[in-house]
Amino acid sequence: MSAATSISLPRVLVVHGPNLNLLGLREPSVYGRKTLEEINAALAALGQRLGVAVETFQSNHEGAIVDRLQKAIGACDGVVINAAAYTHTSVAIRDALAMLSMPVVEVHLSNIHKREPFRHTSLTAAVVTGQIVGLGPVGYQLALRAIAEMIPLGVAVA
């Protein structure tokens, strides 16, 4: 197949926020025992089954997350984001998400509404397509499935 006739898979960016690099070690009673690498591997495998290319990104730095979201414009067809603690504090990440004209699903491993009061408010919720909370790592898979359903067939970015 030539480059001119090749079909590109829809691309979904999965963004993991601060401290998620320590999943499996960090408060397993709250966040579970799966590591970030295991979650990412499961998403890559699911992406293959769904016909979606999955790229993962993790950073503990707010500006790096904003930069990566900006790079998704024109390069990705959807975003899954667990902004972690930045969900409750970052206007910058909220504004970067608001610029995206693609499906965006916010994911939280724990149910933020059953936790400390400061976690009940998501600054990002108003600018995302949907939110999945409290389902552990399966929440990421549900978000990827939802985005794959929302991406119009044959409309992947080039």
N, C-alpha and C. Protein backbone atom coordinates (compact mmCIF):
# COMPACT_ATOMS: atom_id res chain seq x y z
N MET A 1 0.85 -1.17 0.00
CA MET A 1 0.00 0.00 0.00
C MET A 1 0.90 1.24 0.00
N SER A 2 0.64 2.16 -0.86
CA SER A 2 1.46 3.37 -0.94
C SER A 2 1.10 4.33 0.18
N ALA A 3 1.98 5.27 0.42
CA ALA A 3 1.74 6.26 1.47
C ALA A 3 0.49 7.08 1.17
N ALA A 4 0.22 7.30 -0.10
CA ALA A 4 -0.93 8.11 -0.48
C ALA A 4 -2.25 7.39 -0.18
N THR A 5 -2.23 6.04 -0.20
CA THR A 5 -3.47 5.31 0.04
C THR A 5 -3.50 4.64 1.41
N SER A 6 -2.47 4.84 2.23
CA SER A 6 -2.47 4.20 3.54
C SER A 6 -3.53 4.82 4.44
N ILE A 7 -4.07 3.99 5.28
CA ILE A 7 -5.09 4.45 6.22
C ILE A 7 -4.44 4.60 7.58
N SER A 8 -4.57 5.78 8.16
CA SER A 8 -3.99 5.97 9.48
C SER A 8 -5.05 5.67 10.53
N LEU A 9 -4.62 5.03 11.59
CA LEU A 9 -5.53 4.73 12.69
C LEU A 9 -5.84 6.00 13.45
N PRO A 10 -7.04 6.10 13.99
CA PRO A 10 -7.33 7.21 14.90
C PRO A 10 -6.33 7.17 16.06
N ARG A 11 -5.93 8.34 16.51
CA ARG A 11 -4.92 8.42 17.58
C ARG A 11 -5.55 8.98 18.84
N VAL A 12 -5.30 8.28 19.94
CA VAL A 12 -5.79 8.71 21.24
C VAL A 12 -4.60 8.89 22.17
N LEU A 13 -4.53 10.07 22.75
CA LEU A 13 -3.50 10.39 23.72
C LEU A 13 -4.05 10.11 25.12
N VAL A 14 -3.29 9.39 25.92
CA VAL A 14 -3.64 9.14 27.32
C VAL A 14 -2.64 9.89 28.18
N VAL A 15 -3.14 10.83 28.98
CA VAL A 15 -2.28 11.67 29.81
C VAL A 15 -2.48 11.29 31.27
N HIS A 16 -1.37 11.00 31.93
CA HIS A 16 -1.37 10.68 33.35
C HIS A 16 -0.65 11.81 34.09
N GLY A 17 -1.29 12.32 35.14
CA GLY A 17 -0.74 13.43 35.90
C GLY A 17 0.21 13.01 37.01
N PRO A 18 0.41 13.93 37.96
CA PRO A 18 1.43 13.75 38.98
C PRO A 18 1.18 12.56 39.89
N ASN A 19 2.27 11.91 40.23
CA ASN A 19 2.34 10.78 41.16
C ASN A 19 1.78 9.48 40.60
N LEU A 20 1.21 9.51 39.41
CA LEU A 20 0.68 8.28 38.84
C LEU A 20 1.79 7.34 38.38
N ASN A 21 3.00 7.86 38.24
CA ASN A 21 4.15 7.02 37.94
C ASN A 21 4.45 6.06 39.09
N LEU A 22 3.88 6.31 40.27
CA LEU A 22 4.11 5.46 41.43
C LEU A 22 2.94 4.51 41.72
N LEU A 23 2.03 4.37 40.77
CA LEU A 23 0.93 3.44 40.96
C LEU A 23 1.47 2.04 41.26
N GLY A 24 0.76 1.33 42.11
CA GLY A 24 1.21 0.02 42.55
C GLY A 24 1.94 0.11 43.88
N LEU A 25 2.60 1.23 44.10
CA LEU A 25 3.31 1.49 45.36
C LEU A 25 2.57 2.51 46.21
N ARG A 26 1.98 3.48 45.57
CA ARG A 26 1.35 4.61 46.25
C ARG A 26 -0.06 4.25 46.70
N GLU A 27 -0.28 4.26 47.98
CA GLU A 27 -1.60 4.04 48.57
C GLU A 27 -2.43 2.99 47.81
N PRO A 28 -1.98 1.73 47.80
CA PRO A 28 -2.70 0.72 47.03
C PRO A 28 -4.14 0.52 47.50
N SER A 29 -4.44 0.87 48.73
CA SER A 29 -5.83 0.75 49.20
C SER A 29 -6.75 1.76 48.51
N VAL A 30 -6.17 2.85 48.01
CA VAL A 30 -6.94 3.87 47.30
C VAL A 30 -6.83 3.69 45.79
N TYR A 31 -5.62 3.45 45.29
CA TYR A 31 -5.35 3.47 43.85
C TYR A 31 -5.15 2.09 43.24
N GLY A 32 -5.12 1.04 44.05
CA GLY A 32 -4.94 -0.30 43.53
C GLY A 32 -3.48 -0.70 43.42
N ARG A 33 -3.26 -1.92 42.97
CA ARG A 33 -1.90 -2.48 42.90
C ARG A 33 -1.33 -2.49 41.48
N LYS A 34 -2.14 -2.16 40.48
CA LYS A 34 -1.63 -2.14 39.10
C LYS A 34 -0.66 -0.97 38.94
N THR A 35 0.41 -1.24 38.22
CA THR A 35 1.38 -0.19 37.93
C THR A 35 0.93 0.61 36.70
N LEU A 36 1.52 1.76 36.53
CA LEU A 36 1.22 2.57 35.35
C LEU A 36 1.61 1.81 34.08
N GLU A 37 2.71 1.08 34.13
CA GLU A 37 3.13 0.30 32.97
C GLU A 37 2.09 -0.76 32.61
N GLU A 38 1.49 -1.39 33.62
CA GLU A 38 0.45 -2.39 33.36
C GLU A 38 -0.80 -1.74 32.77
N ILE A 39 -1.16 -0.60 33.28
CA ILE A 39 -2.32 0.13 32.75
C ILE A 39 -2.07 0.52 31.30
N ASN A 40 -0.88 1.06 31.03
CA ASN A 40 -0.55 1.47 29.66
C ASN A 40 -0.52 0.28 28.70
N ALA A 41 0.02 -0.84 29.14
CA ALA A 41 0.07 -2.04 28.29
C ALA A 41 -1.35 -2.52 27.97
N ALA A 42 -2.22 -2.50 28.97
CA ALA A 42 -3.61 -2.92 28.73
C ALA A 42 -4.30 -1.97 27.75
N LEU A 43 -4.00 -0.68 27.85
CA LEU A 43 -4.59 0.29 26.92
C LEU A 43 -4.07 0.09 25.50
N ALA A 44 -2.78 -0.20 25.36
CA ALA A 44 -2.21 -0.44 24.04
C ALA A 44 -2.87 -1.68 23.40
N ALA A 45 -3.05 -2.73 24.20
CA ALA A 45 -3.67 -3.95 23.68
C ALA A 45 -5.13 -3.70 23.30
N LEU A 46 -5.85 -2.98 24.14
CA LEU A 46 -7.24 -2.64 23.82
C LEU A 46 -7.30 -1.76 22.58
N GLY A 47 -6.38 -0.81 22.47
CA GLY A 47 -6.34 0.05 21.29
C GLY A 47 -6.18 -0.76 20.02
N GLN A 48 -5.32 -1.77 20.04
CA GLN A 48 -5.16 -2.64 18.87
C GLN A 48 -6.47 -3.32 18.51
N ARG A 49 -7.17 -3.82 19.50
CA ARG A 49 -8.45 -4.50 19.25
C ARG A 49 -9.50 -3.53 18.72
N LEU A 50 -9.44 -2.28 19.16
CA LEU A 50 -10.42 -1.28 18.73
C LEU A 50 -10.03 -0.57 17.45
N GLY A 51 -8.80 -0.79 16.97
CA GLY A 51 -8.32 -0.10 15.79
C GLY A 51 -7.94 1.34 16.06
N VAL A 52 -7.38 1.58 17.25
CA VAL A 52 -7.00 2.92 17.68
C VAL A 52 -5.55 2.89 18.13
N ALA A 53 -4.75 3.84 17.67
CA ALA A 53 -3.37 3.96 18.13
C ALA A 53 -3.37 4.73 19.45
N VAL A 54 -2.73 4.16 20.46
CA VAL A 54 -2.70 4.76 21.78
C VAL A 54 -1.29 5.25 22.09
N GLU A 55 -1.21 6.52 22.48
CA GLU A 55 0.05 7.09 22.95
C GLU A 55 -0.15 7.50 24.40
N THR A 56 0.78 7.12 25.26
CA THR A 56 0.67 7.49 26.67
C THR A 56 1.74 8.50 27.05
N PHE A 57 1.39 9.32 28.02
CA PHE A 57 2.29 10.38 28.49
C PHE A 57 2.03 10.58 29.98
N GLN A 58 3.07 10.64 30.77
CA GLN A 58 2.95 10.93 32.19
C GLN A 58 3.92 12.03 32.56
N SER A 59 3.45 12.95 33.39
CA SER A 59 4.34 13.98 33.91
C SER A 59 3.86 14.42 35.28
N ASN A 60 4.82 14.77 36.11
CA ASN A 60 4.53 15.36 37.41
C ASN A 60 4.50 16.88 37.31
N HIS A 61 4.68 17.41 36.12
CA HIS A 61 4.84 18.85 35.92
C HIS A 61 3.67 19.42 35.11
N GLU A 62 3.02 20.41 35.68
CA GLU A 62 1.84 21.02 35.07
C GLU A 62 2.13 21.55 33.67
N GLY A 63 3.21 22.28 33.51
CA GLY A 63 3.54 22.86 32.21
C GLY A 63 3.79 21.81 31.14
N ALA A 64 4.40 20.70 31.52
CA ALA A 64 4.64 19.61 30.56
C ALA A 64 3.32 19.01 30.09
N ILE A 65 2.35 18.92 30.99
CA ILE A 65 1.03 18.40 30.61
C ILE A 65 0.34 19.38 29.67
N VAL A 66 0.42 20.65 29.97
CA VAL A 66 -0.16 21.68 29.08
C VAL A 66 0.49 21.60 27.71
N ASP A 67 1.82 21.51 27.67
CA ASP A 67 2.53 21.41 26.39
C ASP A 67 2.07 20.20 25.59
N ARG A 68 1.92 19.06 26.25
CA ARG A 68 1.52 17.84 25.53
C ARG A 68 0.09 17.94 25.03
N LEU A 69 -0.80 18.54 25.79
CA LEU A 69 -2.17 18.73 25.33
C LEU A 69 -2.21 19.65 24.11
N GLN A 70 -1.41 20.70 24.12
CA GLN A 70 -1.36 21.61 22.97
C GLN A 70 -0.86 20.87 21.73
N LYS A 71 0.11 19.98 21.90
CA LYS A 71 0.64 19.21 20.76
C LYS A 71 -0.40 18.23 20.19
N ALA A 72 -1.42 17.91 20.98
CA ALA A 72 -2.47 17.00 20.51
C ALA A 72 -3.35 17.64 19.45
N ILE A 73 -3.38 18.98 19.42
CA ILE A 73 -4.22 19.69 18.45
C ILE A 73 -3.73 19.35 17.04
N GLY A 74 -4.61 18.80 16.23
CA GLY A 74 -4.26 18.42 14.87
C GLY A 74 -3.46 17.14 14.75
N ALA A 75 -3.11 16.53 15.88
CA ALA A 75 -2.31 15.31 15.85
C ALA A 75 -3.04 14.12 16.45
N CYS A 76 -4.06 14.36 17.24
CA CYS A 76 -4.80 13.29 17.91
C CYS A 76 -6.29 13.44 17.63
N ASP A 77 -6.99 12.32 17.82
CA ASP A 77 -8.43 12.30 17.60
C ASP A 77 -9.22 12.25 18.90
N GLY A 78 -8.54 12.04 20.01
CA GLY A 78 -9.19 12.01 21.30
C GLY A 78 -8.16 11.98 22.41
N VAL A 79 -8.60 12.33 23.61
CA VAL A 79 -7.72 12.36 24.78
C VAL A 79 -8.42 11.72 25.96
N VAL A 80 -7.68 10.87 26.66
CA VAL A 80 -8.07 10.37 27.98
C VAL A 80 -7.11 11.04 28.94
N ILE A 81 -7.63 11.67 29.99
CA ILE A 81 -6.76 12.35 30.94
C ILE A 81 -7.12 12.04 32.38
N ASN A 82 -6.10 11.69 33.13
CA ASN A 82 -6.19 11.63 34.58
C ASN A 82 -5.21 12.70 35.05
N ALA A 83 -5.72 13.89 35.28
CA ALA A 83 -4.86 15.00 35.70
C ALA A 83 -4.47 14.89 37.17
N ALA A 84 -4.98 13.86 37.85
CA ALA A 84 -4.66 13.60 39.25
C ALA A 84 -4.92 14.86 40.08
N ALA A 85 -4.00 15.23 40.94
CA ALA A 85 -4.21 16.38 41.83
C ALA A 85 -4.45 17.68 41.05
N TYR A 86 -3.90 17.77 39.84
CA TYR A 86 -4.11 18.99 39.04
C TYR A 86 -5.57 19.18 38.64
N THR A 87 -6.36 18.12 38.70
CA THR A 87 -7.79 18.22 38.43
C THR A 87 -8.44 19.30 39.29
N HIS A 88 -7.96 19.41 40.51
CA HIS A 88 -8.58 20.27 41.51
C HIS A 88 -7.92 21.64 41.63
N THR A 89 -6.81 21.83 40.90
CA THR A 89 -6.03 23.06 41.10
C THR A 89 -5.61 23.79 39.84
N SER A 90 -5.61 23.13 38.69
CA SER A 90 -4.95 23.70 37.52
C SER A 90 -5.91 24.35 36.52
N VAL A 91 -5.93 25.66 36.54
CA VAL A 91 -6.65 26.41 35.52
C VAL A 91 -5.92 26.26 34.19
N ALA A 92 -4.60 26.15 34.22
CA ALA A 92 -3.82 26.01 32.99
C ALA A 92 -4.17 24.73 32.24
N ILE A 93 -4.29 23.61 32.94
CA ILE A 93 -4.67 22.35 32.28
C ILE A 93 -6.12 22.44 31.82
N ARG A 94 -6.98 23.03 32.61
CA ARG A 94 -8.37 23.22 32.21
C ARG A 94 -8.44 24.01 30.90
N ASP A 95 -7.68 25.10 30.81
CA ASP A 95 -7.70 25.93 29.61
C ASP A 95 -7.13 25.18 28.40
N ALA A 96 -6.10 24.36 28.62
CA ALA A 96 -5.55 23.57 27.51
C ALA A 96 -6.58 22.56 27.02
N LEU A 97 -7.30 21.93 27.94
CA LEU A 97 -8.36 20.99 27.54
C LEU A 97 -9.48 21.71 26.79
N ALA A 98 -9.81 22.92 27.21
CA ALA A 98 -10.88 23.68 26.56
C ALA A 98 -10.55 24.00 25.11
N MET A 99 -9.29 24.03 24.75
CA MET A 99 -8.88 24.32 23.37
C MET A 99 -9.07 23.14 22.44
N LEU A 100 -9.26 21.94 22.99
CA LEU A 100 -9.33 20.74 22.16
C LEU A 100 -10.72 20.58 21.56
N SER A 101 -10.76 20.31 20.28
CA SER A 101 -12.04 20.09 19.59
C SER A 101 -12.17 18.61 19.22
N MET A 102 -11.96 17.77 20.21
CA MET A 102 -12.02 16.31 20.05
C MET A 102 -12.61 15.74 21.33
N PRO A 103 -13.05 14.50 21.31
CA PRO A 103 -13.55 13.91 22.55
C PRO A 103 -12.44 13.82 23.61
N VAL A 104 -12.80 14.20 24.83
CA VAL A 104 -11.87 14.13 25.96
C VAL A 104 -12.63 13.51 27.13
N VAL A 105 -12.05 12.45 27.69
CA VAL A 105 -12.65 11.81 28.86
C VAL A 105 -11.70 11.91 30.03
N GLU A 106 -12.21 12.45 31.12
CA GLU A 106 -11.46 12.57 32.38
C GLU A 106 -11.66 11.29 33.18
N VAL A 107 -10.57 10.75 33.69
CA VAL A 107 -10.60 9.50 34.44
C VAL A 107 -9.96 9.72 35.81
N HIS A 108 -10.55 9.10 36.82
CA HIS A 108 -9.95 9.05 38.16
C HIS A 108 -10.09 7.64 38.68
N LEU A 109 -9.01 7.08 39.17
CA LEU A 109 -9.03 5.72 39.70
C LEU A 109 -9.95 5.61 40.91
N SER A 110 -9.89 6.60 41.79
CA SER A 110 -10.75 6.60 42.98
C SER A 110 -11.97 7.48 42.71
N ASN A 111 -12.97 7.33 43.56
CA ASN A 111 -14.15 8.17 43.45
C ASN A 111 -13.86 9.48 44.17
N ILE A 112 -13.54 10.51 43.40
CA ILE A 112 -13.15 11.80 44.00
C ILE A 112 -14.28 12.41 44.83
N HIS A 113 -15.50 12.00 44.58
CA HIS A 113 -16.64 12.56 45.31
C HIS A 113 -16.83 11.92 46.68
N LYS A 114 -16.13 10.83 46.94
CA LYS A 114 -16.20 10.16 48.24
C LYS A 114 -14.95 10.43 49.08
N ARG A 115 -14.09 11.31 48.59
CA ARG A 115 -12.84 11.56 49.28
C ARG A 115 -12.87 12.91 49.98
N GLU A 116 -11.71 13.46 50.27
CA GLU A 116 -11.62 14.73 50.97
C GLU A 116 -12.38 15.80 50.20
N PRO A 117 -12.99 16.76 50.91
CA PRO A 117 -13.80 17.79 50.25
C PRO A 117 -13.06 18.55 49.14
N PHE A 118 -11.76 18.78 49.28
CA PHE A 118 -11.05 19.53 48.24
C PHE A 118 -10.98 18.76 46.93
N ARG A 119 -11.18 17.44 46.97
CA ARG A 119 -11.16 16.63 45.75
C ARG A 119 -12.52 16.57 45.06
N HIS A 120 -13.55 17.08 45.68
CA HIS A 120 -14.89 17.00 45.10
C HIS A 120 -15.06 17.92 43.90
N THR A 121 -14.24 18.95 43.80
CA THR A 121 -14.35 19.89 42.68
C THR A 121 -13.32 19.56 41.61
N SER A 122 -13.80 19.36 40.41
CA SER A 122 -12.93 19.15 39.25
C SER A 122 -12.99 20.41 38.40
N LEU A 123 -11.87 21.11 38.31
CA LEU A 123 -11.81 22.29 37.44
C LEU A 123 -11.92 21.89 35.97
N THR A 124 -11.56 20.67 35.66
CA THR A 124 -11.52 20.23 34.27
C THR A 124 -12.84 19.65 33.78
N ALA A 125 -13.73 19.25 34.69
CA ALA A 125 -14.96 18.54 34.30
C ALA A 125 -15.82 19.34 33.32
N ALA A 126 -15.87 20.64 33.47
CA ALA A 126 -16.74 21.46 32.62
C ALA A 126 -16.27 21.55 31.17
N VAL A 127 -15.04 21.16 30.90
CA VAL A 127 -14.52 21.30 29.53
C VAL A 127 -14.18 19.95 28.89
N VAL A 128 -14.56 18.84 29.54
CA VAL A 128 -14.33 17.53 28.94
C VAL A 128 -15.66 16.95 28.48
N THR A 129 -15.58 15.95 27.63
CA THR A 129 -16.78 15.31 27.11
C THR A 129 -17.48 14.50 28.19
N GLY A 130 -16.71 13.81 29.00
CA GLY A 130 -17.27 12.97 30.05
C GLY A 130 -16.25 12.69 31.12
N GLN A 131 -16.72 12.07 32.20
CA GLN A 131 -15.88 11.81 33.36
C GLN A 131 -16.20 10.40 33.88
N ILE A 132 -15.15 9.64 34.19
CA ILE A 132 -15.29 8.30 34.78
C ILE A 132 -14.49 8.30 36.07
N VAL A 133 -15.16 8.03 37.18
CA VAL A 133 -14.48 8.06 38.48
C VAL A 133 -14.79 6.79 39.27
N GLY A 134 -13.80 6.36 40.06
CA GLY A 134 -14.01 5.33 41.05
C GLY A 134 -14.01 3.90 40.56
N LEU A 135 -13.66 3.65 39.32
CA LEU A 135 -13.69 2.29 38.79
C LEU A 135 -12.30 1.68 38.65
N GLY A 136 -11.29 2.32 39.24
CA GLY A 136 -9.94 1.79 39.16
C GLY A 136 -9.43 1.82 37.73
N PRO A 137 -8.46 0.95 37.42
CA PRO A 137 -7.86 0.95 36.08
C PRO A 137 -8.84 0.69 34.94
N VAL A 138 -9.95 -0.01 35.22
CA VAL A 138 -10.92 -0.26 34.15
C VAL A 138 -11.52 1.05 33.64
N GLY A 139 -11.48 2.10 34.45
CA GLY A 139 -11.97 3.40 34.01
C GLY A 139 -11.24 3.90 32.77
N TYR A 140 -9.93 3.65 32.71
CA TYR A 140 -9.17 4.05 31.52
C TYR A 140 -9.66 3.29 30.29
N GLN A 141 -9.92 1.99 30.46
CA GLN A 141 -10.37 1.18 29.33
C GLN A 141 -11.76 1.62 28.86
N LEU A 142 -12.63 1.93 29.80
CA LEU A 142 -13.96 2.42 29.42
C LEU A 142 -13.85 3.76 28.68
N ALA A 143 -12.94 4.61 29.14
CA ALA A 143 -12.73 5.90 28.47
C ALA A 143 -12.23 5.70 27.05
N LEU A 144 -11.28 4.78 26.86
CA LEU A 144 -10.75 4.52 25.52
C LEU A 144 -11.85 3.96 24.62
N ARG A 145 -12.66 3.05 25.14
CA ARG A 145 -13.78 2.51 24.36
C ARG A 145 -14.75 3.62 23.96
N ALA A 146 -15.05 4.50 24.90
CA ALA A 146 -15.98 5.60 24.61
C ALA A 146 -15.43 6.51 23.52
N ILE A 147 -14.17 6.86 23.62
CA ILE A 147 -13.58 7.74 22.61
C ILE A 147 -13.55 7.05 21.25
N ALA A 148 -13.21 5.76 21.24
CA ALA A 148 -13.20 5.03 19.96
C ALA A 148 -14.58 5.06 19.31
N GLU A 149 -15.63 5.01 20.11
CA GLU A 149 -17.00 5.09 19.59
C GLU A 149 -17.34 6.51 19.10
N MET A 150 -16.74 7.52 19.70
CA MET A 150 -17.06 8.91 19.35
C MET A 150 -16.31 9.40 18.12
N ILE A 151 -15.19 8.79 17.80
CA ILE A 151 -14.41 9.23 16.64
C ILE A 151 -15.13 8.77 15.38
N PRO A 152 -15.50 9.70 14.52
CA PRO A 152 -16.16 9.29 13.27
C PRO A 152 -15.24 8.42 12.42
N LEU A 153 -15.79 7.36 11.83
CA LEU A 153 -15.00 6.48 10.98
C LEU A 153 -14.38 7.25 9.82
N GLY A 154 -13.12 6.97 9.56
CA GLY A 154 -12.45 7.57 8.43
C GLY A 154 -12.09 9.03 8.61
N VAL A 155 -12.15 9.55 9.85
CA VAL A 155 -11.85 10.95 10.06
C VAL A 155 -10.60 11.13 10.92
N ALA A 156 -9.76 10.13 10.98
CA ALA A 156 -8.53 10.25 11.76
C ALA A 156 -7.67 11.36 11.20
N VAL A 157 -6.96 12.05 12.09
CA VAL A 157 -6.05 13.10 11.63
C VAL A 157 -4.92 12.48 10.84
N ALA A 158 -4.41 13.21 9.86
CA ALA A 158 -3.35 12.67 9.01
C ALA A 158 -2.00 12.81 9.65
